[in-house]
Amino acid sequence: MSLNQDVEALRAISLFAKVEPSKLKLLAFTSERLTFKADEELFHQGDPGDALYIILDGEADVLLDAPNGPIKVATVGKHGFFGDIAILCNVPRTATVKATKPLETLRISKDLFYQLVTQFPQISIEIMRELAMRLDKTTRDYREAAAKLKQGA
């Protein structure tokens, strides 16, 4: 993929849609392109949160450690991203992410991410919006699961 293709991929992601092209080009240039094989782990729950990952192509599962083995809580595909919670909250990884098929990503380091947010406050607004939508979905999913459990009791 070329630098221009990386810029277009970044522009397709809600967090970066409003960032001017020259800044996206800088971000694409300074990001690290990583590829993963199917079933390869990108990181494990509890690892240090050192980067945000953007999926350029492929798919990955988000897994939570549980006593009886990992539980899949989400699948993230092209133009999706993950790793934002760990770097924003300065906490260890909240989940394990594993490629389900060959995966191509851009890895944005924590330092680069903070520079970007500092220089472009509109990204902060998009991050807040995305996190609020994720929280809303998680809350709805939790309510549905709790209702199903209550019905089964």
N, C-alpha and C. Protein backbone atom coordinates (compact mmCIF):
# COMPACT_ATOMS: atom_id res chain seq x y z
N MET A 1 0.85 -1.19 0.00
CA MET A 1 0.00 0.00 0.00
C MET A 1 0.89 1.24 0.00
N SER A 2 0.48 2.26 -0.70
CA SER A 2 1.25 3.50 -0.78
C SER A 2 0.84 4.45 0.35
N LEU A 3 1.63 5.47 0.52
CA LEU A 3 1.34 6.49 1.52
C LEU A 3 -0.03 7.12 1.26
N ASN A 4 -0.35 7.38 -0.02
CA ASN A 4 -1.65 7.97 -0.35
C ASN A 4 -2.80 7.04 -0.01
N GLN A 5 -2.60 5.73 -0.20
CA GLN A 5 -3.63 4.76 0.16
C GLN A 5 -3.81 4.72 1.67
N ASP A 6 -2.71 4.84 2.42
CA ASP A 6 -2.81 4.89 3.89
C ASP A 6 -3.58 6.13 4.33
N VAL A 7 -3.34 7.25 3.66
CA VAL A 7 -4.05 8.49 3.99
C VAL A 7 -5.55 8.30 3.74
N GLU A 8 -5.91 7.69 2.63
CA GLU A 8 -7.32 7.45 2.33
C GLU A 8 -7.94 6.50 3.34
N ALA A 9 -7.18 5.50 3.78
CA ALA A 9 -7.67 4.57 4.80
C ALA A 9 -7.91 5.31 6.11
N LEU A 10 -7.00 6.20 6.49
CA LEU A 10 -7.18 6.99 7.73
C LEU A 10 -8.39 7.90 7.61
N ARG A 11 -8.58 8.50 6.46
CA ARG A 11 -9.70 9.41 6.25
C ARG A 11 -11.04 8.69 6.40
N ALA A 12 -11.06 7.39 6.12
CA ALA A 12 -12.30 6.60 6.20
C ALA A 12 -12.68 6.27 7.65
N ILE A 13 -11.79 6.56 8.58
CA ILE A 13 -12.04 6.26 9.99
C ILE A 13 -12.58 7.52 10.67
N SER A 14 -13.64 7.36 11.43
CA SER A 14 -14.33 8.51 12.03
C SER A 14 -13.39 9.40 12.83
N LEU A 15 -12.43 8.84 13.52
CA LEU A 15 -11.53 9.65 14.34
C LEU A 15 -10.74 10.66 13.52
N PHE A 16 -10.41 10.30 12.28
CA PHE A 16 -9.51 11.12 11.48
C PHE A 16 -10.18 11.77 10.27
N ALA A 17 -11.48 11.59 10.12
CA ALA A 17 -12.19 12.06 8.94
C ALA A 17 -12.07 13.57 8.73
N LYS A 18 -11.94 14.35 9.80
CA LYS A 18 -11.92 15.80 9.67
C LYS A 18 -10.52 16.40 9.72
N VAL A 19 -9.51 15.56 9.76
CA VAL A 19 -8.12 16.03 9.79
C VAL A 19 -7.68 16.33 8.36
N GLU A 20 -6.98 17.45 8.19
CA GLU A 20 -6.56 17.84 6.84
C GLU A 20 -5.57 16.82 6.25
N PRO A 21 -5.61 16.65 4.93
CA PRO A 21 -4.80 15.62 4.27
C PRO A 21 -3.31 15.68 4.58
N SER A 22 -2.73 16.86 4.68
CA SER A 22 -1.29 16.95 4.96
C SER A 22 -0.96 16.37 6.33
N LYS A 23 -1.84 16.56 7.30
CA LYS A 23 -1.63 16.00 8.64
C LYS A 23 -1.83 14.49 8.63
N LEU A 24 -2.80 14.02 7.82
CA LEU A 24 -3.00 12.58 7.70
C LEU A 24 -1.79 11.92 7.05
N LYS A 25 -1.21 12.62 6.09
CA LYS A 25 -0.01 12.08 5.43
C LYS A 25 1.12 11.94 6.44
N LEU A 26 1.28 12.93 7.30
CA LEU A 26 2.31 12.86 8.34
C LEU A 26 2.02 11.70 9.30
N LEU A 27 0.76 11.55 9.67
CA LEU A 27 0.37 10.46 10.56
C LEU A 27 0.65 9.11 9.91
N ALA A 28 0.27 8.96 8.65
CA ALA A 28 0.51 7.70 7.94
C ALA A 28 2.01 7.41 7.84
N PHE A 29 2.78 8.45 7.57
CA PHE A 29 4.23 8.28 7.42
C PHE A 29 4.89 7.88 8.73
N THR A 30 4.41 8.42 9.85
CA THR A 30 5.04 8.14 11.15
C THR A 30 4.46 6.92 11.85
N SER A 31 3.38 6.37 11.32
CA SER A 31 2.79 5.15 11.89
C SER A 31 3.56 3.94 11.40
N GLU A 32 3.43 2.87 12.13
CA GLU A 32 4.11 1.63 11.77
C GLU A 32 3.10 0.67 11.14
N ARG A 33 3.41 0.17 9.96
CA ARG A 33 2.55 -0.80 9.29
C ARG A 33 2.95 -2.19 9.77
N LEU A 34 1.96 -2.92 10.29
CA LEU A 34 2.20 -4.27 10.79
C LEU A 34 1.23 -5.24 10.15
N THR A 35 1.69 -6.45 9.89
CA THR A 35 0.82 -7.50 9.38
C THR A 35 0.84 -8.67 10.36
N PHE A 36 -0.29 -9.35 10.43
CA PHE A 36 -0.45 -10.48 11.33
C PHE A 36 -1.09 -11.62 10.56
N LYS A 37 -0.68 -12.84 10.90
CA LYS A 37 -1.27 -14.03 10.29
C LYS A 37 -2.56 -14.38 11.02
N ALA A 38 -3.40 -15.17 10.37
CA ALA A 38 -4.62 -15.67 11.02
C ALA A 38 -4.22 -16.38 12.31
N ASP A 39 -4.99 -16.14 13.37
CA ASP A 39 -4.77 -16.71 14.71
C ASP A 39 -3.58 -16.11 15.46
N GLU A 40 -2.94 -15.09 14.90
CA GLU A 40 -1.83 -14.44 15.59
C GLU A 40 -2.38 -13.37 16.54
N GLU A 41 -1.83 -13.33 17.74
CA GLU A 41 -2.26 -12.37 18.75
C GLU A 41 -1.52 -11.05 18.56
N LEU A 42 -2.27 -9.94 18.56
CA LEU A 42 -1.66 -8.62 18.45
C LEU A 42 -1.15 -8.19 19.81
N PHE A 43 -1.98 -8.40 20.82
CA PHE A 43 -1.59 -8.16 22.21
C PHE A 43 -2.53 -8.93 23.11
N HIS A 44 -2.14 -9.05 24.37
CA HIS A 44 -2.90 -9.84 25.33
C HIS A 44 -3.46 -8.95 26.44
N GLN A 45 -4.63 -9.32 26.94
CA GLN A 45 -5.23 -8.61 28.06
C GLN A 45 -4.20 -8.51 29.18
N GLY A 46 -4.01 -7.30 29.69
CA GLY A 46 -3.04 -7.07 30.76
C GLY A 46 -1.71 -6.52 30.28
N ASP A 47 -1.43 -6.64 28.97
CA ASP A 47 -0.20 -6.07 28.43
C ASP A 47 -0.23 -4.54 28.56
N PRO A 48 0.94 -3.90 28.56
CA PRO A 48 0.95 -2.43 28.58
C PRO A 48 0.24 -1.87 27.35
N GLY A 49 -0.52 -0.80 27.55
CA GLY A 49 -1.22 -0.15 26.45
C GLY A 49 -0.33 0.90 25.83
N ASP A 50 0.35 0.55 24.74
CA ASP A 50 1.35 1.43 24.17
C ASP A 50 1.03 1.97 22.79
N ALA A 51 -0.12 1.56 22.22
CA ALA A 51 -0.44 2.01 20.86
C ALA A 51 -1.90 1.77 20.51
N LEU A 52 -2.35 2.52 19.54
CA LEU A 52 -3.67 2.38 18.92
C LEU A 52 -3.45 1.67 17.59
N TYR A 53 -4.31 0.73 17.26
CA TYR A 53 -4.21 0.00 16.00
C TYR A 53 -5.41 0.31 15.12
N ILE A 54 -5.14 0.51 13.84
CA ILE A 54 -6.19 0.75 12.86
C ILE A 54 -6.12 -0.38 11.84
N ILE A 55 -7.25 -1.00 11.57
CA ILE A 55 -7.27 -2.10 10.61
C ILE A 55 -7.41 -1.55 9.19
N LEU A 56 -6.41 -1.85 8.38
CA LEU A 56 -6.44 -1.47 6.97
C LEU A 56 -7.11 -2.56 6.14
N ASP A 57 -6.89 -3.81 6.55
CA ASP A 57 -7.50 -4.93 5.86
C ASP A 57 -7.50 -6.14 6.79
N GLY A 58 -8.55 -6.92 6.72
CA GLY A 58 -8.65 -8.12 7.54
C GLY A 58 -9.63 -7.95 8.67
N GLU A 59 -9.49 -8.82 9.67
CA GLU A 59 -10.45 -8.86 10.76
C GLU A 59 -9.78 -9.44 12.01
N ALA A 60 -10.22 -8.97 13.17
CA ALA A 60 -9.66 -9.46 14.44
C ALA A 60 -10.78 -9.60 15.46
N ASP A 61 -10.61 -10.56 16.35
CA ASP A 61 -11.55 -10.75 17.45
C ASP A 61 -11.01 -10.10 18.71
N VAL A 62 -11.92 -9.53 19.49
CA VAL A 62 -11.60 -8.96 20.79
C VAL A 62 -12.07 -9.98 21.82
N LEU A 63 -11.15 -10.43 22.65
CA LEU A 63 -11.41 -11.52 23.59
C LEU A 63 -11.15 -11.08 25.03
N LEU A 64 -11.99 -11.55 25.94
CA LEU A 64 -11.78 -11.31 27.36
C LEU A 64 -11.38 -12.62 28.03
N ASP A 65 -10.38 -12.56 28.90
CA ASP A 65 -9.99 -13.73 29.67
C ASP A 65 -11.10 -14.10 30.63
N ALA A 66 -11.39 -15.39 30.73
CA ALA A 66 -12.40 -15.89 31.65
C ALA A 66 -11.90 -17.22 32.22
N PRO A 67 -12.43 -17.63 33.37
CA PRO A 67 -11.97 -18.88 33.99
C PRO A 67 -12.06 -20.10 33.07
N ASN A 68 -13.08 -20.14 32.21
CA ASN A 68 -13.25 -21.29 31.31
C ASN A 68 -12.67 -21.05 29.92
N GLY A 69 -11.83 -20.04 29.78
CA GLY A 69 -11.23 -19.72 28.49
C GLY A 69 -11.71 -18.38 27.98
N PRO A 70 -11.09 -17.91 26.90
CA PRO A 70 -11.44 -16.59 26.37
C PRO A 70 -12.87 -16.52 25.85
N ILE A 71 -13.48 -15.33 26.02
CA ILE A 71 -14.82 -15.06 25.52
C ILE A 71 -14.72 -13.96 24.47
N LYS A 72 -15.26 -14.24 23.27
CA LYS A 72 -15.26 -13.23 22.21
C LYS A 72 -16.34 -12.21 22.50
N VAL A 73 -15.95 -10.94 22.56
CA VAL A 73 -16.92 -9.88 22.83
C VAL A 73 -17.16 -8.99 21.61
N ALA A 74 -16.27 -9.07 20.61
CA ALA A 74 -16.45 -8.24 19.41
C ALA A 74 -15.55 -8.75 18.30
N THR A 75 -15.92 -8.39 17.10
CA THR A 75 -15.07 -8.59 15.92
C THR A 75 -14.91 -7.23 15.28
N VAL A 76 -13.67 -6.88 14.96
CA VAL A 76 -13.35 -5.59 14.36
C VAL A 76 -12.81 -5.84 12.96
N GLY A 77 -13.35 -5.09 11.99
CA GLY A 77 -12.93 -5.26 10.60
C GLY A 77 -12.29 -4.01 10.03
N LYS A 78 -12.19 -4.01 8.73
CA LYS A 78 -11.57 -2.90 8.00
C LYS A 78 -12.12 -1.56 8.46
N HIS A 79 -11.21 -0.62 8.69
CA HIS A 79 -11.50 0.74 9.14
C HIS A 79 -11.89 0.80 10.62
N GLY A 80 -11.81 -0.33 11.29
CA GLY A 80 -12.04 -0.35 12.73
C GLY A 80 -10.74 -0.04 13.46
N PHE A 81 -10.85 0.20 14.74
CA PHE A 81 -9.65 0.47 15.53
C PHE A 81 -9.84 -0.06 16.93
N PHE A 82 -8.72 -0.24 17.61
CA PHE A 82 -8.74 -0.69 19.00
C PHE A 82 -7.44 -0.27 19.65
N GLY A 83 -7.44 -0.29 20.97
CA GLY A 83 -6.26 0.13 21.73
C GLY A 83 -6.42 1.51 22.32
N ASP A 84 -7.52 2.17 22.00
CA ASP A 84 -7.73 3.54 22.45
C ASP A 84 -7.92 3.63 23.97
N ILE A 85 -8.61 2.69 24.56
CA ILE A 85 -8.86 2.74 26.01
C ILE A 85 -7.56 2.67 26.79
N ALA A 86 -6.70 1.73 26.41
CA ALA A 86 -5.44 1.55 27.14
C ALA A 86 -4.56 2.80 27.08
N ILE A 87 -4.51 3.44 25.91
CA ILE A 87 -3.63 4.61 25.84
C ILE A 87 -4.28 5.87 26.41
N LEU A 88 -5.60 5.98 26.31
CA LEU A 88 -6.27 7.16 26.87
C LEU A 88 -6.32 7.12 28.39
N CYS A 89 -6.54 5.94 28.94
CA CYS A 89 -6.70 5.81 30.40
C CYS A 89 -5.41 5.40 31.09
N ASN A 90 -4.36 5.16 30.32
CA ASN A 90 -3.08 4.75 30.89
C ASN A 90 -3.23 3.51 31.77
N VAL A 91 -3.94 2.52 31.24
CA VAL A 91 -4.17 1.26 31.93
C VAL A 91 -3.67 0.12 31.04
N PRO A 92 -3.48 -1.06 31.63
CA PRO A 92 -3.11 -2.21 30.78
C PRO A 92 -4.23 -2.53 29.79
N ARG A 93 -3.90 -3.32 28.79
CA ARG A 93 -4.88 -3.72 27.79
C ARG A 93 -6.09 -4.36 28.46
N THR A 94 -7.27 -3.94 28.07
CA THR A 94 -8.50 -4.43 28.68
C THR A 94 -9.00 -5.71 28.03
N ALA A 95 -8.38 -6.10 26.92
CA ALA A 95 -8.79 -7.31 26.20
C ALA A 95 -7.61 -7.83 25.38
N THR A 96 -7.77 -9.04 24.91
CA THR A 96 -6.81 -9.64 23.97
C THR A 96 -7.37 -9.43 22.57
N VAL A 97 -6.51 -9.13 21.61
CA VAL A 97 -6.94 -9.00 20.23
C VAL A 97 -6.15 -10.00 19.40
N LYS A 98 -6.89 -10.77 18.61
CA LYS A 98 -6.31 -11.86 17.82
C LYS A 98 -6.85 -11.81 16.39
N ALA A 99 -5.96 -11.89 15.41
CA ALA A 99 -6.37 -11.88 14.01
C ALA A 99 -7.18 -13.13 13.70
N THR A 100 -8.29 -12.96 12.98
CA THR A 100 -9.09 -14.11 12.58
C THR A 100 -8.75 -14.55 11.15
N LYS A 101 -8.14 -13.65 10.42
CA LYS A 101 -7.65 -13.90 9.07
C LYS A 101 -6.47 -12.97 8.88
N PRO A 102 -5.71 -13.08 7.80
CA PRO A 102 -4.58 -12.17 7.63
C PRO A 102 -5.03 -10.72 7.86
N LEU A 103 -4.20 -10.00 8.59
CA LEU A 103 -4.58 -8.68 9.07
C LEU A 103 -3.47 -7.68 8.78
N GLU A 104 -3.86 -6.52 8.27
CA GLU A 104 -2.92 -5.45 8.01
C GLU A 104 -3.36 -4.24 8.83
N THR A 105 -2.42 -3.68 9.60
CA THR A 105 -2.77 -2.58 10.50
C THR A 105 -1.77 -1.43 10.40
N LEU A 106 -2.23 -0.29 10.88
CA LEU A 106 -1.33 0.82 11.18
C LEU A 106 -1.28 0.92 12.69
N ARG A 107 -0.08 0.95 13.24
CA ARG A 107 0.13 1.07 14.68
C ARG A 107 0.56 2.50 14.96
N ILE A 108 -0.26 3.21 15.75
CA ILE A 108 0.04 4.59 16.13
C ILE A 108 0.48 4.56 17.59
N SER A 109 1.73 4.90 17.83
CA SER A 109 2.26 4.85 19.19
C SER A 109 1.53 5.82 20.11
N LYS A 110 1.60 5.54 21.39
CA LYS A 110 0.97 6.39 22.39
C LYS A 110 1.47 7.83 22.28
N ASP A 111 2.78 8.02 22.15
CA ASP A 111 3.35 9.37 22.05
C ASP A 111 2.84 10.10 20.81
N LEU A 112 2.82 9.41 19.69
CA LEU A 112 2.33 10.02 18.45
C LEU A 112 0.85 10.36 18.57
N PHE A 113 0.09 9.47 19.18
CA PHE A 113 -1.34 9.69 19.38
C PHE A 113 -1.57 10.96 20.21
N TYR A 114 -0.83 11.11 21.32
CA TYR A 114 -0.99 12.29 22.17
C TYR A 114 -0.57 13.57 21.45
N GLN A 115 0.47 13.50 20.63
CA GLN A 115 0.85 14.67 19.83
C GLN A 115 -0.27 15.06 18.89
N LEU A 116 -0.87 14.07 18.27
CA LEU A 116 -1.96 14.31 17.33
C LEU A 116 -3.16 14.96 18.02
N VAL A 117 -3.54 14.43 19.17
CA VAL A 117 -4.68 14.96 19.91
C VAL A 117 -4.40 16.39 20.37
N THR A 118 -3.19 16.65 20.78
CA THR A 118 -2.81 17.99 21.23
C THR A 118 -2.87 19.00 20.08
N GLN A 119 -2.41 18.58 18.91
CA GLN A 119 -2.37 19.47 17.75
C GLN A 119 -3.74 19.65 17.09
N PHE A 120 -4.61 18.64 17.22
CA PHE A 120 -5.90 18.67 16.53
C PHE A 120 -7.03 18.34 17.50
N PRO A 121 -7.52 19.35 18.22
CA PRO A 121 -8.57 19.11 19.21
C PRO A 121 -9.82 18.43 18.64
N GLN A 122 -10.09 18.57 17.33
CA GLN A 122 -11.27 17.93 16.76
C GLN A 122 -11.18 16.42 16.87
N ILE A 123 -9.97 15.88 16.91
CA ILE A 123 -9.80 14.44 17.10
C ILE A 123 -10.29 14.05 18.49
N SER A 124 -10.02 14.90 19.48
CA SER A 124 -10.49 14.62 20.84
C SER A 124 -12.01 14.51 20.89
N ILE A 125 -12.68 15.38 20.16
CA ILE A 125 -14.14 15.34 20.12
C ILE A 125 -14.61 14.04 19.48
N GLU A 126 -13.97 13.64 18.38
CA GLU A 126 -14.35 12.38 17.72
C GLU A 126 -14.08 11.19 18.62
N ILE A 127 -12.99 11.23 19.37
CA ILE A 127 -12.68 10.14 20.30
C ILE A 127 -13.75 10.06 21.38
N MET A 128 -14.12 11.20 21.94
CA MET A 128 -15.18 11.21 22.96
C MET A 128 -16.49 10.66 22.39
N ARG A 129 -16.81 11.05 21.17
CA ARG A 129 -18.04 10.57 20.53
C ARG A 129 -17.98 9.05 20.36
N GLU A 130 -16.86 8.55 19.87
CA GLU A 130 -16.70 7.11 19.65
C GLU A 130 -16.78 6.35 20.97
N LEU A 131 -16.11 6.84 21.99
CA LEU A 131 -16.15 6.16 23.29
C LEU A 131 -17.55 6.19 23.89
N ALA A 132 -18.25 7.30 23.72
CA ALA A 132 -19.62 7.38 24.22
C ALA A 132 -20.53 6.39 23.49
N MET A 133 -20.36 6.24 22.18
CA MET A 133 -21.16 5.27 21.43
C MET A 133 -20.84 3.84 21.87
N ARG A 134 -19.56 3.56 22.12
CA ARG A 134 -19.18 2.23 22.60
C ARG A 134 -19.78 1.96 23.98
N LEU A 135 -19.75 2.96 24.85
CA LEU A 135 -20.32 2.80 26.19
C LEU A 135 -21.82 2.56 26.09
N ASP A 136 -22.49 3.29 25.23
CA ASP A 136 -23.92 3.12 25.03
C ASP A 136 -24.23 1.70 24.54
N LYS A 137 -23.47 1.22 23.58
CA LYS A 137 -23.68 -0.15 23.06
C LYS A 137 -23.41 -1.18 24.15
N THR A 138 -22.35 -1.01 24.91
CA THR A 138 -22.03 -1.94 25.99
C THR A 138 -23.14 -1.96 27.03
N THR A 139 -23.67 -0.80 27.35
CA THR A 139 -24.76 -0.71 28.32
C THR A 139 -26.00 -1.42 27.81
N ARG A 140 -26.34 -1.21 26.53
CA ARG A 140 -27.49 -1.90 25.94
C ARG A 140 -27.28 -3.41 25.93
N ASP A 141 -26.08 -3.85 25.53
CA ASP A 141 -25.77 -5.29 25.51
C ASP A 141 -25.87 -5.88 26.91
N TYR A 142 -25.39 -5.14 27.91
CA TYR A 142 -25.44 -5.61 29.29
C TYR A 142 -26.90 -5.75 29.75
N ARG A 143 -27.71 -4.75 29.43
CA ARG A 143 -29.13 -4.81 29.82
C ARG A 143 -29.84 -6.01 29.19
N GLU A 144 -29.55 -6.25 27.90
CA GLU A 144 -30.16 -7.39 27.20
C GLU A 144 -29.72 -8.70 27.84
N ALA A 145 -28.43 -8.82 28.14
CA ALA A 145 -27.92 -10.04 28.76
C ALA A 145 -28.51 -10.25 30.14
N ALA A 146 -28.63 -9.16 30.93
CA ALA A 146 -29.21 -9.26 32.26
C ALA A 146 -30.68 -9.66 32.18
N ALA A 147 -31.41 -9.13 31.21
CA ALA A 147 -32.82 -9.48 31.05
C ALA A 147 -32.97 -10.96 30.68
N LYS A 148 -32.10 -11.46 29.80
CA LYS A 148 -32.15 -12.86 29.42
C LYS A 148 -31.85 -13.76 30.63
N LEU A 149 -30.87 -13.36 31.43
CA LEU A 149 -30.54 -14.13 32.62
C LEU A 149 -31.70 -14.15 33.60
N LYS A 150 -32.36 -13.01 33.73
CA LYS A 150 -33.49 -12.90 34.66
C LYS A 150 -34.65 -13.79 34.21
N GLN A 151 -34.89 -13.81 32.90
CA GLN A 151 -35.96 -14.64 32.34
C GLN A 151 -35.67 -16.12 32.54
N GLY A 152 -34.41 -16.48 32.48
CA GLY A 152 -34.01 -17.88 32.63
C GLY A 152 -33.95 -18.33 34.07
N ALA A 153 -33.98 -17.40 35.00
CA ALA A 153 -33.87 -17.76 36.43
C ALA A 153 -35.18 -18.20 37.03
